[in-house]
C-alpha atoms as a PDB file:
ATOM      1  CA  MET A   1     -32.138  -9.497  33.923  1.00  0.00           C
ATOM      2  CA  THR A   2     -29.965  -7.742  31.366  1.00  0.00           C
ATOM      3  CA  THR A   3     -28.445  -9.936  28.724  1.00  0.00           C
ATOM      4  CA  VAL A   4     -24.723  -9.243  28.046  1.00  0.00           C
ATOM      5  CA  HIS A   5     -23.650  -9.813  24.562  1.00  0.00           C
ATOM      6  CA  GLU A   6     -20.077 -10.790  23.920  1.00  0.00           C
ATOM      7  CA  PRO A   7     -18.370  -8.636  21.223  1.00  0.00           C
ATOM      8  CA  LEU A   8     -18.048 -10.367  17.880  1.00  0.00           C
ATOM      9  CA  PRO A   9     -14.549 -11.461  16.905  1.00  0.00           C
ATOM     10  CA  PRO A  10     -12.965  -9.320  14.127  1.00  0.00           C
ATOM     11  CA  GLU A  11     -13.491 -11.903  11.363  1.00  0.00           C
ATOM     12  CA  GLU A  12     -17.229 -12.191  12.077  1.00  0.00           C
ATOM     13  CA  ARG A  13     -17.620  -8.378  12.210  1.00  0.00           C
ATOM     14  CA  LEU A  14     -16.124  -8.181   8.747  1.00  0.00           C
ATOM     15  CA  ARG A  15     -18.194 -10.993   7.549  1.00  0.00           C
ATOM     16  CA  ARG A  16     -21.410  -9.334   8.579  1.00  0.00           C
ATOM     17  CA  LEU A  17     -20.367  -6.051   7.017  1.00  0.00           C
ATOM     18  CA  PHE A  18     -19.755  -7.688   3.732  1.00  0.00           C
ATOM     19  CA  ALA A  19     -22.915  -9.786   3.935  1.00  0.00           C
ATOM     20  CA  ASP A  20     -24.921  -6.476   4.372  1.00  0.00           C
ATOM     21  CA  ARG A  21     -23.571  -5.331   0.955  1.00  0.00           C
ATOM     22  CA  ALA A  22     -24.009  -8.701  -0.848  1.00  0.00           C
ATOM     23  CA  GLU A  23     -26.936  -7.527  -3.039  1.00  0.00           C
ATOM     24  CA  GLY A  24     -24.862  -4.805  -4.873  1.00  0.00           C
ATOM     25  CA  GLY A  25     -21.562  -6.636  -4.906  1.00  0.00           C
ATOM     26  CA  VAL A  26     -18.173  -5.233  -3.890  1.00  0.00           C
ATOM     27  CA  LEU A  27     -15.004  -4.220  -5.673  1.00  0.00           C
ATOM     28  CA  VAL A  28     -11.992  -4.537  -3.286  1.00  0.00           C
ATOM     29  CA  ALA A  29      -8.893  -2.409  -4.153  1.00  0.00           C
ATOM     30  CA  THR A  30      -6.063  -4.881  -3.662  1.00  0.00           C
ATOM     31  CA  SER A  31      -2.497  -3.592  -3.719  1.00  0.00           C
ATOM     32  CA  GLY A  32      -0.755  -6.755  -2.472  1.00  0.00           C
ATOM     33  CA  GLY A  33      -0.298  -5.663   1.146  1.00  0.00           C
ATOM     34  CA  VAL A  34      -1.609  -7.557   4.133  1.00  0.00           C
ATOM     35  CA  ASP A  35      -4.503  -5.183   4.678  1.00  0.00           C
ATOM     36  CA  SER A  36      -6.025  -5.322   1.174  1.00  0.00           C
ATOM     37  CA  CYS A  37      -5.219  -9.012   0.591  1.00  0.00           C
ATOM     38  CA  THR A  38      -6.889 -10.021   3.850  1.00  0.00           C
ATOM     39  CA  LEU A  39      -9.867  -7.838   3.083  1.00  0.00           C
ATOM     40  CA  ALA A  40     -10.152  -9.463  -0.373  1.00  0.00           C
ATOM     41  CA  ALA A  41     -10.037 -12.942   1.115  1.00  0.00           C
ATOM     42  CA  ILE A  42     -12.794 -12.209   3.590  1.00  0.00           C
ATOM     43  CA  ALA A  43     -14.926 -10.599   0.822  1.00  0.00           C
ATOM     44  CA  HIS A  44     -14.527 -13.656  -1.375  1.00  0.00           C
ATOM     45  CA  GLN A  45     -15.409 -16.046   1.388  1.00  0.00           C
ATOM     46  CA  VAL A  46     -18.600 -14.131   2.011  1.00  0.00           C
ATOM     47  CA  LEU A  47     -19.672 -12.977  -1.475  1.00  0.00           C
ATOM     48  CA  ASP A  48     -18.076 -15.570  -3.678  1.00  0.00           C
ATOM     49  CA  GLU A  49     -18.486 -14.312  -7.271  1.00  0.00           C
ATOM     50  CA  ASP A  50     -20.243 -11.139  -6.197  1.00  0.00           C
ATOM     51  CA  MET A  51     -16.906  -9.444  -5.616  1.00  0.00           C
ATOM     52  CA  LEU A  52     -13.870  -8.554  -7.617  1.00  0.00           C
ATOM     53  CA  ALA A  53     -10.376  -7.752  -6.349  1.00  0.00           C
ATOM     54  CA  VAL A  54      -8.767  -4.993  -8.584  1.00  0.00           C
ATOM     55  CA  THR A  55      -5.119  -4.114  -8.672  1.00  0.00           C
ATOM     56  CA  LEU A  56      -4.075  -0.916 -10.476  1.00  0.00           C
ATOM     57  CA  ASP A  57      -0.991  -1.143 -12.563  1.00  0.00           C
ATOM     58  CA  ALA A  58       0.263   2.450 -12.076  1.00  0.00           C
ATOM     59  CA  GLU A  59       3.709   4.050 -12.347  1.00  0.00           C
ATOM     60  CA  SER A  60       4.223   4.364  -8.572  1.00  0.00           C
ATOM     61  CA  ASN A  61       3.412   0.749  -7.802  1.00  0.00           C
ATOM     62  CA  ALA A  62       6.492  -1.352  -7.666  1.00  0.00           C
ATOM     63  CA  ALA A  63       6.567  -4.408 -10.021  1.00  0.00           C
ATOM     64  CA  ARG A  64       7.121  -6.858  -7.070  1.00  0.00           C
ATOM     65  CA  GLU A  65       3.980  -5.506  -5.430  1.00  0.00           C
ATOM     66  CA  LEU A  66       1.856  -6.168  -8.472  1.00  0.00           C
ATOM     67  CA  GLU A  67       3.360  -9.678  -8.774  1.00  0.00           C
ATOM     68  CA  ASP A  68       2.737 -10.317  -5.016  1.00  0.00           C
ATOM     69  CA  ALA A  69      -0.967  -9.257  -5.440  1.00  0.00           C
ATOM     70  CA  MET A  70      -1.453 -11.456  -8.521  1.00  0.00           C
ATOM     71  CA  THR A  71       0.251 -14.417  -6.917  1.00  0.00           C
ATOM     72  CA  PHE A  72      -1.833 -14.217  -3.770  1.00  0.00           C
ATOM     73  CA  LEU A  73      -5.178 -13.738  -5.510  1.00  0.00           C
ATOM     74  CA  GLN A  74      -4.482 -16.467  -8.037  1.00  0.00           C
ATOM     75  CA  ASP A  75      -3.419 -18.867  -5.222  1.00  0.00           C
ATOM     76  CA  GLN A  76      -6.571 -18.147  -3.278  1.00  0.00           C
ATOM     77  CA  ALA A  77      -8.838 -18.390  -6.416  1.00  0.00           C
ATOM     78  CA  ILE A  78     -10.129 -14.856  -5.784  1.00  0.00           C
ATOM     79  CA  PRO A  79     -11.744 -13.131  -8.782  1.00  0.00           C
ATOM     80  CA  HIS A  80      -9.152 -10.579  -9.901  1.00  0.00           C
ATOM     81  CA  ALA A  81      -8.479  -7.988 -12.541  1.00  0.00           C
ATOM     82  CA  VAL A  82      -5.372  -5.821 -13.222  1.00  0.00           C
ATOM     83  CA  VAL A  83      -6.247  -2.475 -14.606  1.00  0.00           C
ATOM     84  CA  ASP A  84      -3.925   0.085 -16.200  1.00  0.00           C
ATOM     85  CA  HIS A  85      -3.887   3.536 -14.546  1.00  0.00           C
ATOM     86  CA  SER A  86      -1.575   6.545 -15.019  1.00  0.00           C
ATOM     87  CA  GLU A  87      -1.014   8.850 -12.105  1.00  0.00           C
ATOM     88  CA  LEU A  88       1.548  10.834 -13.967  1.00  0.00           C
ATOM     89  CA  SER A  89      -0.965  12.019 -16.468  1.00  0.00           C
ATOM     90  CA  ASP A  90      -2.298  14.284 -13.651  1.00  0.00           C
ATOM     91  CA  PRO A  91      -0.157  17.476 -13.365  1.00  0.00           C
ATOM     92  CA  ASP A  92      -1.359  17.993  -9.771  1.00  0.00           C
ATOM     93  CA  TYR A  93       0.068  14.598  -8.796  1.00  0.00           C
ATOM     94  CA  ARG A  94       3.395  15.336 -10.698  1.00  0.00           C
ATOM     95  CA  GLU A  95       3.772  18.578  -8.855  1.00  0.00           C
ATOM     96  CA  ASN A  96       4.183  16.578  -5.616  1.00  0.00           C
ATOM     97  CA  THR A  97       2.768  18.974  -3.039  1.00  0.00           C
ATOM     98  CA  PRO A  98       1.751  17.638   0.360  1.00  0.00           C
ATOM     99  CA  MET A  99      -1.682  16.979  -1.214  1.00  0.00           C
ATOM    100  CA  ARG A 100      -0.109  14.494  -3.690  1.00  0.00           C
ATOM    101  CA  CYS A 101      -1.818  11.529  -1.993  1.00  0.00           C
ATOM    102  CA  TYR A 102      -5.191  13.323  -2.372  1.00  0.00           C
ATOM    103  CA  HIS A 103      -4.749  13.651  -6.065  1.00  0.00           C
ATOM    104  CA  CYS A 104      -3.589  10.041  -6.274  1.00  0.00           C
ATOM    105  CA  ARG A 105      -6.657   8.759  -4.571  1.00  0.00           C
ATOM    106  CA  GLU A 106      -8.889  10.990  -6.662  1.00  0.00           C
ATOM    107  CA  GLY A 107      -7.617   9.511  -9.809  1.00  0.00           C
ATOM    108  CA  MET A 108      -7.494   6.015  -8.382  1.00  0.00           C
ATOM    109  CA  LEU A 109     -11.201   6.200  -7.313  1.00  0.00           C
ATOM    110  CA  ASP A 110     -12.287   7.534 -10.704  1.00  0.00           C
ATOM    111  CA  ARG A 111     -10.665   4.496 -12.303  1.00  0.00           C
ATOM    112  CA  LEU A 112     -11.973   2.040  -9.848  1.00  0.00           C
ATOM    113  CA  ARG A 113     -15.453   3.500 -10.194  1.00  0.00           C
ATOM    114  CA  GLU A 114     -15.239   2.896 -14.021  1.00  0.00           C
ATOM    115  CA  VAL A 115     -14.450  -0.722 -13.393  1.00  0.00           C
ATOM    116  CA  ALA A 116     -17.163  -1.076 -10.745  1.00  0.00           C
ATOM    117  CA  GLU A 117     -19.742   0.390 -12.991  1.00  0.00           C
ATOM    118  CA  ASP A 118     -18.640  -1.824 -15.878  1.00  0.00           C
ATOM    119  CA  ARG A 119     -18.882  -4.920 -13.666  1.00  0.00           C
ATOM    120  CA  GLY A 120     -22.095  -3.899 -12.002  1.00  0.00           C
ATOM    121  CA  LEU A 121     -20.589  -3.622  -8.513  1.00  0.00           C
ATOM    122  CA  ALA A 122     -22.124  -1.113  -6.126  1.00  0.00           C
ATOM    123  CA  HIS A 123     -19.438  -0.704  -3.498  1.00  0.00           C
ATOM    124  CA  ILE A 124     -15.725  -0.010  -3.564  1.00  0.00           C
ATOM    125  CA  ALA A 125     -13.907  -1.273  -0.457  1.00  0.00           C
ATOM    126  CA  MET A 126     -10.392  -0.159   0.569  1.00  0.00           C
ATOM    127  CA  GLY A 127      -8.101  -1.616   3.265  1.00  0.00           C
ATOM    128  CA  TYR A 128      -7.595   1.518   5.367  1.00  0.00           C
ATOM    129  CA  VAL A 129      -7.318   0.764   9.053  1.00  0.00           C
ATOM    130  CA  PRO A 130      -8.009   3.106  11.983  1.00  0.00           C
ATOM    131  CA  ASP A 131      -4.256   3.363  12.596  1.00  0.00           C
ATOM    132  CA  ASP A 132      -3.953   5.214   9.308  1.00  0.00           C
ATOM    133  CA  ARG A 133      -5.343   8.335  10.901  1.00  0.00           C
ATOM    134  CA  MET A 134      -2.119   8.823  12.728  1.00  0.00           C
ATOM    135  CA  ASP A 135      -0.073   9.967   9.744  1.00  0.00           C
ATOM    136  CA  HIS A 136      -0.581  12.742   7.196  1.00  0.00           C
ATOM    137  CA  THR A 137      -3.242  11.027   5.007  1.00  0.00           C
ATOM    138  CA  PRO A 138      -5.047  13.405   2.613  1.00  0.00           C
ATOM    139  CA  GLY A 139      -5.436  10.386   0.401  1.00  0.00           C
ATOM    140  CA  ARG A 140      -7.754   8.805   2.909  1.00  0.00           C
ATOM    141  CA  ARG A 141      -9.869  11.927   2.930  1.00  0.00           C
ATOM    142  CA  ALA A 142     -10.053  11.875  -0.905  1.00  0.00           C
ATOM    143  CA  ALA A 143     -11.171   8.238  -0.906  1.00  0.00           C
ATOM    144  CA  LYS A 144     -13.840   8.957   1.661  1.00  0.00           C
ATOM    145  CA  GLU A 145     -15.062  11.993  -0.237  1.00  0.00           C
ATOM    146  CA  ALA A 146     -15.295   9.742  -3.360  1.00  0.00           C
ATOM    147  CA  GLY A 147     -17.574   7.293  -1.650  1.00  0.00           C
ATOM    148  CA  ALA A 148     -15.060   4.510  -0.834  1.00  0.00           C
ATOM    149  CA  TRP A 149     -15.911   2.120   2.028  1.00  0.00           C
ATOM    150  CA  PHE A 150     -13.486   1.278   4.730  1.00  0.00           C
ATOM    151  CA  PRO A 151     -14.611  -2.077   6.318  1.00  0.00           C
ATOM    152  CA  TYR A 152     -11.734  -2.138   8.800  1.00  0.00           C
ATOM    153  CA  VAL A 153     -12.567   1.291  10.154  1.00  0.00           C
ATOM    154  CA  ASP A 154     -16.243   0.336  10.482  1.00  0.00           C
ATOM    155  CA  ALA A 155     -15.324  -2.965  12.208  1.00  0.00           C
ATOM    156  CA  GLY A 156     -12.838  -1.152  14.475  1.00  0.00           C
ATOM    157  CA  ILE A 157      -9.926  -3.436  13.413  1.00  0.00           C
ATOM    158  CA  GLY A 158      -6.386  -2.086  13.508  1.00  0.00           C
ATOM    159  CA  LYS A 159      -3.164  -3.225  11.810  1.00  0.00           C
ATOM    160  CA  ASP A 160      -2.137  -5.668  14.486  1.00  0.00           C
ATOM    161  CA  GLN A 161      -5.644  -7.297  14.420  1.00  0.00           C
ATOM    162  CA  VAL A 162      -5.503  -7.491  10.627  1.00  0.00           C
ATOM    163  CA  ARG A 163      -2.130  -9.425  10.837  1.00  0.00           C
ATOM    164  CA  ALA A 164      -3.631 -11.678  13.546  1.00  0.00           C
ATOM    165  CA  LEU A 165      -6.663 -12.313  11.402  1.00  0.00           C
ATOM    166  CA  ALA A 166      -4.575 -13.191   8.316  1.00  0.00           C
ATOM    167  CA  GLU A 167      -2.551 -15.567  10.485  1.00  0.00           C
ATOM    168  CA  ARG A 168      -5.748 -17.302  11.767  1.00  0.00           C
ATOM    169  CA  MET A 169      -6.897 -17.591   8.224  1.00  0.00           C
ATOM    170  CA  ASP A 170      -3.508 -19.102   7.201  1.00  0.00           C
ATOM    171  CA  LEU A 171      -2.903 -16.451   4.609  1.00  0.00           C
ATOM    172  CA  PRO A 172       0.638 -16.130   3.315  1.00  0.00           C
ATOM    173  CA  VAL A 173       0.517 -12.326   3.676  1.00  0.00           C
ATOM    174  CA  ALA A 174       0.343 -12.226   7.473  1.00  0.00           C
ATOM    175  CA  ASP A 175       4.018 -11.333   7.871  1.00  0.00           C
ATOM    176  CA  ARG A 176       4.336  -9.168   4.678  1.00  0.00           C
ATOM    177  CA  PRO A 177       6.110  -5.869   5.511  1.00  0.00           C
ATOM    178  CA  SER A 178       4.198  -2.680   5.142  1.00  0.00           C
ATOM    179  CA  ASN A 179       4.782  -0.815   1.859  1.00  0.00           C
ATOM    180  CA  ALA A 180       3.843   2.429   0.254  1.00  0.00           C
ATOM    181  CA  CYS A 181       3.922   3.790  -3.225  1.00  0.00           C
ATOM    182  CA  LEU A 182       7.267   4.660  -4.790  1.00  0.00           C
ATOM    183  CA  SER A 183       6.293   8.350  -4.941  1.00  0.00           C
ATOM    184  CA  SER A 184       6.516   8.485  -1.185  1.00  0.00           C
ATOM    185  CA  ARG A 185      10.335   8.319  -1.544  1.00  0.00           C
ATOM    186  CA  ILE A 186      10.408  11.669  -3.288  1.00  0.00           C
ATOM    187  CA  PRO A 187      10.415  14.779  -1.074  1.00  0.00           C
ATOM    188  CA  TYR A 188       7.520  17.243  -1.508  1.00  0.00           C
ATOM    189  CA  GLY A 189       8.299  19.963  -3.937  1.00  0.00           C
ATOM    190  CA  GLN A 190      10.318  17.804  -6.227  1.00  0.00           C
ATOM    191  CA  GLU A 191       8.430  16.665  -9.320  1.00  0.00           C
ATOM    192  CA  VAL A 192       7.513  13.024  -9.619  1.00  0.00           C
ATOM    193  CA  THR A 193       8.769  11.563 -12.820  1.00  0.00           C
ATOM    194  CA  ALA A 194       8.827   8.128 -14.333  1.00  0.00           C
ATOM    195  CA  ASP A 195      12.672   8.171 -14.260  1.00  0.00           C
ATOM    196  CA  LYS A 196      12.765   8.867 -10.513  1.00  0.00           C
ATOM    197  CA  LEU A 197      10.266   6.174  -9.777  1.00  0.00           C
ATOM    198  CA  GLU A 198      12.204   3.548 -11.834  1.00  0.00           C
ATOM    199  CA  THR A 199      15.400   4.660 -10.086  1.00  0.00           C
ATOM    200  CA  VAL A 200      13.930   4.289  -6.586  1.00  0.00           C
ATOM    201  CA  GLU A 201      12.457   0.867  -7.445  1.00  0.00           C
ATOM    202  CA  ALA A 202      15.903  -0.377  -8.840  1.00  0.00           C
ATOM    203  CA  ALA A 203      17.774   1.044  -5.856  1.00  0.00           C
ATOM    204  CA  GLU A 204      15.497  -0.629  -3.304  1.00  0.00           C
ATOM    205  CA  GLN A 205      15.760  -3.935  -5.098  1.00  0.00           C
ATOM    206  CA  ALA A 206      19.553  -3.600  -5.212  1.00  0.00           C
ATOM    207  CA  VAL A 207      19.743  -2.947  -1.443  1.00  0.00           C
ATOM    208  CA  ARG A 208      17.396  -5.876  -0.688  1.00  0.00           C
ATOM    209  CA  SER A 209      19.410  -8.246  -2.852  1.00  0.00           C
ATOM    210  CA  ILE A 210      22.891  -7.186  -1.730  1.00  0.00           C
ATOM    211  CA  ALA A 211      22.260  -6.900   2.022  1.00  0.00           C
ATOM    212  CA  ASP A 212      19.513  -9.413   2.250  1.00  0.00           C
ATOM    213  CA  VAL A 213      17.110  -7.025   4.066  1.00  0.00           C
ATOM    214  CA  GLU A 214      13.404  -6.957   3.396  1.00  0.00           C
ATOM    215  CA  GLN A 215      12.163  -3.678   4.804  1.00  0.00           C
ATOM    216  CA  VAL A 216      13.951  -0.844   2.996  1.00  0.00           C
ATOM    217  CA  ARG A 217      13.310   2.598   1.745  1.00  0.00           C
ATOM    218  CA  VAL A 218      15.558   4.646  -0.592  1.00  0.00           C
ATOM    219  CA  ARG A 219      14.699   8.378  -0.453  1.00  0.00           C
ATOM    220  CA  HIS A 220      15.421  10.230  -3.627  1.00  0.00           C
ATOM    221  CA  HIS A 221      17.024  13.579  -2.780  1.00  0.00           C
ATOM    222  CA  ASP A 222      18.249  14.445  -6.333  1.00  0.00           C
ATOM    223  CA  ASP A 223      21.861  13.223  -6.293  1.00  0.00           C
ATOM    224  CA  VAL A 224      21.594  11.816  -2.826  1.00  0.00           C
ATOM    225  CA  ALA A 225      20.114   8.450  -1.960  1.00  0.00           C
ATOM    226  CA  ARG A 226      19.106   8.224   1.715  1.00  0.00           C
ATOM    227  CA  ILE A 227      18.647   4.607   2.770  1.00  0.00           C
ATOM    228  CA  GLU A 228      16.345   3.557   5.630  1.00  0.00           C
ATOM    229  CA  VAL A 229      16.389   0.103   7.159  1.00  0.00           C
ATOM    230  CA  ALA A 230      15.253  -1.134  10.566  1.00  0.00           C
ATOM    231  CA  PRO A 231      17.844  -0.748  13.292  1.00  0.00           C
ATOM    232  CA  ASP A 232      18.334  -4.466  13.633  1.00  0.00           C
ATOM    233  CA  GLN A 233      19.218  -4.722   9.884  1.00  0.00           C
ATOM    234  CA  ARG A 234      21.732  -1.792   9.857  1.00  0.00           C
ATOM    235  CA  ALA A 235      24.683  -4.050  10.457  1.00  0.00           C
ATOM    236  CA  ALA A 236      23.872  -6.102   7.290  1.00  0.00           C
ATOM    237  CA  LEU A 237      23.500  -2.917   5.380  1.00  0.00           C
ATOM    238  CA  LEU A 238      26.877  -1.549   6.601  1.00  0.00           C
ATOM    239  CA  ALA A 239      28.546  -4.802   5.951  1.00  0.00           C
ATOM    240  CA  ASN A 240      27.735  -4.362   2.298  1.00  0.00           C
ATOM    241  CA  ASP A 241      28.193  -0.588   2.131  1.00  0.00           C
ATOM    242  CA  ARG A 242      30.701  -0.484  -0.760  1.00  0.00           C
ATOM    243  CA  ALA A 243      28.756  -2.875  -2.966  1.00  0.00           C
ATOM    244  CA  ILE A 244      25.496  -0.931  -2.319  1.00  0.00           C
ATOM    245  CA  ALA A 245      27.085   2.437  -2.930  1.00  0.00           C
ATOM    246  CA  GLU A 246      28.639   1.283  -6.212  1.00  0.00           C
ATOM    247  CA  GLU A 247      25.267  -0.128  -7.380  1.00  0.00           C
ATOM    248  CA  LEU A 248      23.342   2.995  -6.504  1.00  0.00           C
ATOM    249  CA  GLU A 249      26.010   5.182  -8.151  1.00  0.00           C
ATOM    250  CA  GLN A 250      25.381   3.153 -11.300  1.00  0.00           C
ATOM    251  CA  LEU A 251      21.772   4.198 -11.025  1.00  0.00           C
ATOM    252  CA  GLY A 252      22.731   7.937 -11.108  1.00  0.00           C
ATOM    253  CA  PHE A 253      23.225   8.868  -7.481  1.00  0.00           C
ATOM    254  CA  THR A 254      26.353  10.833  -6.519  1.00  0.00           C
ATOM    255  CA  PHE A 255      26.096  10.340  -2.742  1.00  0.00           C
ATOM    256  CA  VAL A 256      24.726   7.396  -0.783  1.00  0.00           C
ATOM    257  CA  ALA A 257      23.741   7.965   2.864  1.00  0.00           C
ATOM    258  CA  VAL A 258      22.321   5.843   5.649  1.00  0.00           C
ATOM    259  CA  ASP A 259      19.516   7.453   7.740  1.00  0.00           C
ATOM    260  CA  LEU A 260      20.635   7.024  11.384  1.00  0.00           C
ATOM    261  CA  LEU A 261      16.981   7.167  12.661  1.00  0.00           C
ATOM    262  CA  GLY A 262      16.284   3.980  10.519  1.00  0.00           C
ATOM    263  CA  TYR A 263      13.124   2.941   8.726  1.00  0.00           C
ATOM    264  CA  ARG A 264       9.825   4.638   9.698  1.00  0.00           C
ATOM    265  CA  THR A 265       6.619   5.217   7.867  1.00  0.00           C
ATOM    266  CA  GLY A 266       5.912   8.719   6.685  1.00  0.00           C
ATOM    267  CA  ALA A 267       9.501   9.849   7.052  1.00  0.00           C
ATOM    268  CA  LEU A 268       9.106  12.613   4.416  1.00  0.00           C
ATOM    269  CA  ASN A 269       6.070  13.981   6.290  1.00  0.00           C
ATOM    270  CA  GLU A 270       8.348  14.926   9.131  1.00  0.00           C
ATOM    271  CA  ALA A 271       9.177  18.049   7.225  1.00  0.00           C
ATOM    272  CA  LEU A 272       5.524  19.172   7.468  1.00  0.00           C
ATOM    273  CA  ASP A 273       5.875  19.465  11.211  1.00  0.00           C
ATOM    274  CA  GLY A 274       9.007  21.690  11.089  1.00  0.00           C
END
């Protein structure tokens, strides 16, 4: 008689994957989003002190994301380090071709590897999910080439399952909106500069504060700010249109526009399909 084995639940699959790497220890790249925070929480439960969550303090990371990561990791008592990293020191990154994410992850993995070697950790885990294959993701390829490990991919756990797992674990990040680096707001072919990144960060914070919307993108088209919010938040945005326009004009934009298609991930990658 054939024995039928029930599939392991997502949390147990992850636990076993981390347990298999216990001897060498694991560094978990933790940005503050639901994917990486949940991964760090699982790693800590399994490995205890034989893991380290590392957050890079880089130019394209919004300050609120760094604060969110630090707050979560401190509240969960997860071993954590914040490490300085400069993406803009790489001219290939600043050039902002469609391979920008590749150069970003190259530099990121070099920095994380330095930390891992210094702390005696053999593995570098990142919170990529299988869903990430659907968008233009040269960064994922660079991370894989650099030897990063993707536990969610190995376990076959997608974004919705990560959120469900975070909820079952009672983690405060379960409903945290998806985010991406600030450089993703600058169209390919336009140089990434510290000034542009700071302007985008300030513009998004202004829109969130004035219109009381959480998920927002401000795309930087030189003198034009193109705002994306979810369709159900557009009314709140338009109800505060004058105040938002005035605030963004103070930041240096001449024109402020609302994207009628609304918020969507990888919006600037749409030009690659044209």
